[in-house]
Amino acid sequence: MKLKTTKKSKVSLKRGVPVTRYFPFSFCLKGAEMKSNLYLYDGPVYRFERIYTPKWRAYTYATSEKQARSNLTFQFKHQEGLASGTKVTLPGEIKLVLEAKEEN
């Protein structure tokens, strides 16, 4: 399940409420035991080196920050209806919201 934000409805976290309340589900890949972390991006988006959106917020599950940035870029292009070859840059910080638990 992918979370995406739109201009009409945005996911926001309240102070003091555990993140697991908002994201109680776990992410797993079929046939593999792969644990993913939940990442948040909240910042500007550039298209061809010019500001396209001053503030955009989205969440994604990924195993690394590099993969999270790639997922978020894809989400933004899909939401805005941009071609896959469009150069989109997320210059802001990607924050780790929820780290995957290791099972023994």
C-alpha atoms as a PDB file:
ATOM      1  CA  MET A   1       0.000   0.000   0.000  1.00  0.00           C
ATOM      2  CA  LYS A   2       1.436   3.335  -1.027  1.00  0.00           C
ATOM      3  CA  LEU A   3       0.616   6.540   0.746  1.00  0.00           C
ATOM      4  CA  LYS A   4       0.308   9.640  -1.305  1.00  0.00           C
ATOM      5  CA  THR A   5      -0.762  13.133  -0.507  1.00  0.00           C
ATOM      6  CA  THR A   6      -2.833  15.339  -2.714  1.00  0.00           C
ATOM      7  CA  LYS A   7      -3.665  18.989  -2.605  1.00  0.00           C
ATOM      8  CA  LYS A   8      -7.089  18.132  -1.155  1.00  0.00           C
ATOM      9  CA  SER A   9      -6.062  15.708   1.598  1.00  0.00           C
ATOM     10  CA  LYS A  10      -2.733  15.709   3.362  1.00  0.00           C
ATOM     11  CA  VAL A  11      -1.492  13.247   5.960  1.00  0.00           C
ATOM     12  CA  SER A  12      -0.339  15.078   9.074  1.00  0.00           C
ATOM     13  CA  LEU A  13       1.042  13.750  12.311  1.00  0.00           C
ATOM     14  CA  LYS A  14      -0.171  15.098  15.642  1.00  0.00           C
ATOM     15  CA  ARG A  15       2.260  15.698  18.471  1.00  0.00           C
ATOM     16  CA  GLY A  16       2.396  12.985  21.073  1.00  0.00           C
ATOM     17  CA  VAL A  17       0.567  10.423  18.933  1.00  0.00           C
ATOM     18  CA  PRO A  18       2.710   7.420  17.969  1.00  0.00           C
ATOM     19  CA  VAL A  19       3.431   7.068  14.267  1.00  0.00           C
ATOM     20  CA  THR A  20       2.263   3.440  14.432  1.00  0.00           C
ATOM     21  CA  ARG A  21      -1.265   4.725  14.988  1.00  0.00           C
ATOM     22  CA  TYR A  22      -1.185   6.299  11.530  1.00  0.00           C
ATOM     23  CA  PHE A  23       0.748   3.450   9.868  1.00  0.00           C
ATOM     24  CA  PRO A  24      -0.198   0.208  11.670  1.00  0.00           C
ATOM     25  CA  PHE A  25       0.365  -1.979   8.611  1.00  0.00           C
ATOM     26  CA  SER A  26       3.662  -3.619   7.719  1.00  0.00           C
ATOM     27  CA  PHE A  27       5.280  -3.698   4.325  1.00  0.00           C
ATOM     28  CA  CYS A  28       6.514  -6.963   2.868  1.00  0.00           C
ATOM     29  CA  LEU A  29       7.511  -8.183  -0.555  1.00  0.00           C
ATOM     30  CA  LYS A  30       6.090 -11.389  -1.943  1.00  0.00           C
ATOM     31  CA  GLY A  31       8.545 -14.239  -1.455  1.00  0.00           C
ATOM     32  CA  ALA A  32      11.157 -12.194   0.404  1.00  0.00           C
ATOM     33  CA  GLU A  33      11.700 -11.162   3.994  1.00  0.00           C
ATOM     34  CA  MET A  34      12.639  -7.555   3.291  1.00  0.00           C
ATOM     35  CA  LYS A  35      12.119  -4.932   5.957  1.00  0.00           C
ATOM     36  CA  SER A  36      11.513  -1.360   4.848  1.00  0.00           C
ATOM     37  CA  ASN A  37      11.670   1.934   6.674  1.00  0.00           C
ATOM     38  CA  LEU A  38       9.082   4.707   6.430  1.00  0.00           C
ATOM     39  CA  TYR A  39      10.479   7.970   5.038  1.00  0.00           C
ATOM     40  CA  LEU A  40       8.961  11.474   4.865  1.00  0.00           C
ATOM     41  CA  TYR A  41       9.758  14.292   2.468  1.00  0.00           C
ATOM     42  CA  ASP A  42       8.501  17.763   3.252  1.00  0.00           C
ATOM     43  CA  GLY A  43      10.019  20.484   1.101  1.00  0.00           C
ATOM     44  CA  PRO A  44      10.235  22.138  -2.307  1.00  0.00           C
ATOM     45  CA  VAL A  45      10.264  20.373  -5.668  1.00  0.00           C
ATOM     46  CA  TYR A  46      12.309  21.574  -8.624  1.00  0.00           C
ATOM     47  CA  ARG A  47      11.554  20.776 -12.259  1.00  0.00           C
ATOM     48  CA  PHE A  48      14.388  21.451 -14.706  1.00  0.00           C
ATOM     49  CA  GLU A  49      16.281  23.454 -12.035  1.00  0.00           C
ATOM     50  CA  ARG A  50      13.340  25.829 -11.411  1.00  0.00           C
ATOM     51  CA  ILE A  51      10.972  25.730  -8.468  1.00  0.00           C
ATOM     52  CA  TYR A  52       7.790  23.878  -9.405  1.00  0.00           C
ATOM     53  CA  THR A  53       6.154  23.510  -5.985  1.00  0.00           C
ATOM     54  CA  PRO A  54       7.349  25.434  -2.908  1.00  0.00           C
ATOM     55  CA  LYS A  55       6.075  22.791  -0.453  1.00  0.00           C
ATOM     56  CA  TRP A  56       5.218  19.143  -1.043  1.00  0.00           C
ATOM     57  CA  ARG A  57       4.769  16.378   1.523  1.00  0.00           C
ATOM     58  CA  ALA A  58       4.766  12.638   0.878  1.00  0.00           C
ATOM     59  CA  TYR A  59       5.601   9.331   2.578  1.00  0.00           C
ATOM     60  CA  THR A  60       7.173   6.182   1.163  1.00  0.00           C
ATOM     61  CA  TYR A  61       8.536   2.836   2.266  1.00  0.00           C
ATOM     62  CA  ALA A  62      12.091   1.999   1.184  1.00  0.00           C
ATOM     63  CA  THR A  63      15.166   0.106   2.338  1.00  0.00           C
ATOM     64  CA  SER A  64      17.497   3.104   1.940  1.00  0.00           C
ATOM     65  CA  GLU A  65      17.333   6.877   1.680  1.00  0.00           C
ATOM     66  CA  LYS A  66      18.475   6.693  -1.954  1.00  0.00           C
ATOM     67  CA  GLN A  67      15.603   4.358  -2.813  1.00  0.00           C
ATOM     68  CA  ALA A  68      13.177   6.591  -0.874  1.00  0.00           C
ATOM     69  CA  ARG A  69      14.242   9.623  -2.933  1.00  0.00           C
ATOM     70  CA  SER A  70      13.673   7.643  -6.124  1.00  0.00           C
ATOM     71  CA  ASN A  71      10.219   6.477  -4.942  1.00  0.00           C
ATOM     72  CA  LEU A  72       9.220  10.019  -3.963  1.00  0.00           C
ATOM     73  CA  THR A  73      10.355  11.415  -7.315  1.00  0.00           C
ATOM     74  CA  PHE A  74       8.247   8.790  -9.082  1.00  0.00           C
ATOM     75  CA  GLN A  75       5.237   9.596  -6.857  1.00  0.00           C
ATOM     76  CA  PHE A  76       5.506  13.307  -7.647  1.00  0.00           C
ATOM     77  CA  LYS A  77       5.764  12.738 -11.407  1.00  0.00           C
ATOM     78  CA  HIS A  78       2.772  10.377 -11.281  1.00  0.00           C
ATOM     79  CA  GLN A  79       0.636  12.800  -9.217  1.00  0.00           C
ATOM     80  CA  GLU A  80       1.427  15.756 -11.462  1.00  0.00           C
ATOM     81  CA  GLY A  81       1.037  13.781 -14.698  1.00  0.00           C
ATOM     82  CA  LEU A  82       4.608  14.443 -15.810  1.00  0.00           C
ATOM     83  CA  ALA A  83       6.529  12.253 -18.254  1.00  0.00           C
ATOM     84  CA  SER A  84       8.940   9.747 -16.731  1.00  0.00           C
ATOM     85  CA  GLY A  85      11.906  11.475 -18.399  1.00  0.00           C
ATOM     86  CA  THR A  86      11.139  14.844 -16.782  1.00  0.00           C
ATOM     87  CA  LYS A  87      13.955  16.059 -14.550  1.00  0.00           C
ATOM     88  CA  VAL A  88      12.527  16.456 -11.043  1.00  0.00           C
ATOM     89  CA  THR A  89      14.724  17.267  -8.034  1.00  0.00           C
ATOM     90  CA  LEU A  90      13.883  16.998  -4.329  1.00  0.00           C
ATOM     91  CA  PRO A  91      16.517  19.223  -2.683  1.00  0.00           C
ATOM     92  CA  GLY A  92      15.148  18.972   0.852  1.00  0.00           C
ATOM     93  CA  GLU A  93      15.943  16.470   3.578  1.00  0.00           C
ATOM     94  CA  ILE A  94      14.321  13.044   3.595  1.00  0.00           C
ATOM     95  CA  LYS A  95      13.514  12.084   7.188  1.00  0.00           C
ATOM     96  CA  LEU A  96      13.357   8.580   8.597  1.00  0.00           C
ATOM     97  CA  VAL A  97       9.976   8.376  10.362  1.00  0.00           C
ATOM     98  CA  LEU A  98       9.713   4.705  11.281  1.00  0.00           C
ATOM     99  CA  GLU A  99      12.579   2.226  11.266  1.00  0.00           C
ATOM    100  CA  ALA A 100      11.899  -1.414  10.419  1.00  0.00           C
ATOM    101  CA  LYS A 101      12.181  -3.831  13.341  1.00  0.00           C
ATOM    102  CA  GLU A 102      14.589  -6.746  13.121  1.00  0.00           C
ATOM    103  CA  GLU A 103      13.039 -10.073  14.070  1.00  0.00           C
ATOM    104  CA  ASN A 104      15.205 -12.658  15.846  1.00  0.00           C
END
